[in-house]
Amino acid sequence: MKKSLSSLLVVLSLTQTSLCVADNNNGKALYLQRCAVCHGADIKGTGPLAKKSNPPTPDLTTAVFKKRLNDYPGVIVSSIILRPNGDLIPRTLRENGVKIAPHAWSIKDLRDLHHYMSDVISKR
């Protein structure tokens, strides 16, 4: 009985882990498709449109942003959902002739993007 119970617990934990693990490939793909045009592949605000927005695109690898990410772990996701800068992103894209197709964000996408960006930011 103990062995079957422990086997069941192992299977359940593996199942739960696989459901919670972020997909870095999806996160990276979303970032490169939707964010890098301004933030750059390095997340340092070096994309081709970085200086064309007002204010310019920030470097997300700075100590200030790392502290903000640490203090508010959902800051990346909330920035996508809440768009605290109003029309800045769509306007910058529109004014520079960049078309990015609408995206129906899923919880998985948000989790994957957050994980990917957090991982890259923490290594800089």
Protein backbone atom coordinates (compact mmCIF):
# COMPACT_ATOMS: atom_id res chain seq x y z
CA MET A 1 0.00 0.00 0.00
CA LYS A 2 2.79 2.44 0.89
CA LYS A 3 4.55 1.80 -2.41
CA SER A 4 1.42 2.41 -4.51
CA LEU A 5 0.64 5.56 -2.54
CA SER A 6 4.16 6.92 -3.02
CA SER A 7 4.02 6.01 -6.73
CA LEU A 8 0.73 7.89 -7.03
CA LEU A 9 2.25 10.93 -5.30
CA VAL A 10 5.22 10.88 -7.69
CA VAL A 11 2.91 10.72 -10.72
CA LEU A 12 0.74 13.53 -9.36
CA SER A 13 3.75 15.73 -8.63
CA LEU A 14 5.15 15.17 -12.13
CA THR A 15 1.79 16.01 -13.65
CA GLN A 16 1.47 19.16 -11.57
CA THR A 17 5.03 20.20 -12.37
CA SER A 18 4.50 19.80 -16.10
CA LEU A 19 1.40 21.97 -15.92
CA CYS A 20 3.27 24.74 -14.10
CA VAL A 21 6.52 24.82 -16.04
CA ALA A 22 6.85 27.81 -18.30
CA ASP A 23 7.72 27.23 -21.94
CA ASN A 24 10.77 29.40 -22.58
CA ASN A 25 10.58 28.77 -26.33
CA ASN A 26 7.05 30.20 -26.44
CA GLY A 27 8.08 33.10 -24.20
CA LYS A 28 11.06 33.91 -26.39
CA ALA A 29 8.99 33.66 -29.59
CA LEU A 30 6.34 36.01 -28.15
CA TYR A 31 9.00 38.44 -26.99
CA LEU A 32 10.79 38.49 -30.35
CA GLN A 33 7.50 38.86 -32.27
CA ARG A 34 5.80 41.42 -30.06
CA CYS A 35 8.36 43.25 -27.90
CA ALA A 36 11.83 43.24 -29.47
CA VAL A 37 10.93 45.90 -32.06
CA CYS A 38 11.21 48.42 -29.21
CA HIS A 39 12.98 46.63 -26.36
CA GLY A 40 15.56 44.89 -28.58
CA ALA A 41 16.60 41.24 -28.51
CA ASP A 42 18.72 42.03 -25.44
CA ILE A 43 15.81 43.68 -23.50
CA LYS A 44 17.96 46.80 -23.12
CA GLY A 45 15.77 49.19 -25.12
CA THR A 46 17.87 48.78 -28.26
CA GLY A 47 15.18 47.85 -30.79
CA PRO A 48 14.77 49.82 -34.02
CA LEU A 49 11.86 51.82 -32.54
CA ALA A 50 13.40 52.33 -29.07
CA LYS A 51 14.19 56.01 -29.54
CA LYS A 52 11.09 56.74 -31.61
CA SER A 53 8.66 56.61 -28.72
CA ASN A 54 8.24 59.38 -26.20
CA PRO A 55 9.49 58.57 -23.64
CA PRO A 56 12.11 56.30 -25.23
CA THR A 57 11.88 52.56 -24.55
CA PRO A 58 13.55 51.77 -21.23
CA ASP A 59 16.40 49.35 -20.60
CA LEU A 60 14.74 46.58 -18.57
CA THR A 61 18.07 45.21 -17.32
CA THR A 62 18.85 48.19 -15.06
CA ALA A 63 19.09 47.80 -11.30
CA VAL A 64 15.99 49.99 -10.93
CA PHE A 65 13.87 47.71 -13.12
CA LYS A 66 15.30 44.56 -11.49
CA LYS A 67 14.22 45.95 -8.11
CA ARG A 68 10.79 46.76 -9.51
CA LEU A 69 10.52 43.22 -10.92
CA ASN A 70 11.54 41.84 -7.53
CA ASP A 71 9.11 44.08 -5.62
CA TYR A 72 6.26 43.54 -8.09
CA PRO A 73 6.75 40.11 -9.76
CA GLY A 74 3.73 40.69 -12.02
CA VAL A 75 5.02 43.98 -13.46
CA ILE A 76 5.76 42.51 -16.91
CA VAL A 77 2.33 40.92 -17.24
CA SER A 78 0.49 43.93 -15.82
CA SER A 79 2.32 46.19 -18.29
CA ILE A 80 0.94 44.08 -21.14
CA ILE A 81 -2.59 43.83 -19.77
CA LEU A 82 -3.06 47.30 -18.28
CA ARG A 83 -1.03 49.28 -20.84
CA PRO A 84 -0.20 51.99 -18.27
CA ASN A 85 1.21 54.17 -21.03
CA GLY A 86 -2.10 54.38 -22.85
CA ASP A 87 -1.74 54.64 -26.60
CA LEU A 88 2.07 54.94 -26.63
CA ILE A 89 2.84 51.48 -28.03
CA PRO A 90 0.15 51.39 -30.74
CA ARG A 91 0.88 55.00 -31.72
CA THR A 92 4.64 54.39 -31.97
CA LEU A 93 4.06 51.31 -34.12
CA ARG A 94 1.49 53.11 -36.31
CA GLU A 95 3.66 56.21 -36.80
CA ASN A 96 6.56 54.02 -37.92
CA GLY A 97 4.54 51.79 -40.24
CA VAL A 98 4.99 48.66 -38.11
CA LYS A 99 2.09 46.25 -38.14
CA ILE A 100 1.89 43.63 -35.44
CA ALA A 101 -1.13 41.36 -35.68
CA PRO A 102 -3.48 41.36 -32.69
CA HIS A 103 -2.84 38.56 -30.25
CA ALA A 104 -5.34 36.82 -27.97
CA TRP A 105 -3.16 36.48 -24.87
CA SER A 106 -3.64 33.27 -22.93
CA ILE A 107 -2.60 32.70 -19.34
CA LYS A 108 0.08 30.35 -20.71
CA ASP A 109 1.42 33.08 -23.02
CA LEU A 110 1.59 35.59 -20.19
CA ARG A 111 3.31 33.06 -17.92
CA ASP A 112 5.79 32.04 -20.62
CA LEU A 113 6.65 35.63 -21.57
CA HIS A 114 7.06 36.63 -17.94
CA HIS A 115 9.32 33.67 -17.26
CA TYR A 116 11.44 34.26 -20.36
CA MET A 117 11.88 37.98 -19.71
CA SER A 118 12.55 37.50 -16.00
CA ASP A 119 15.17 34.90 -16.81
CA VAL A 120 16.94 37.14 -19.35
CA ILE A 121 16.73 40.19 -17.08
CA SER A 122 18.14 38.34 -14.07
CA LYS A 123 21.17 37.18 -16.08
CA ARG A 124 22.16 40.71 -17.15
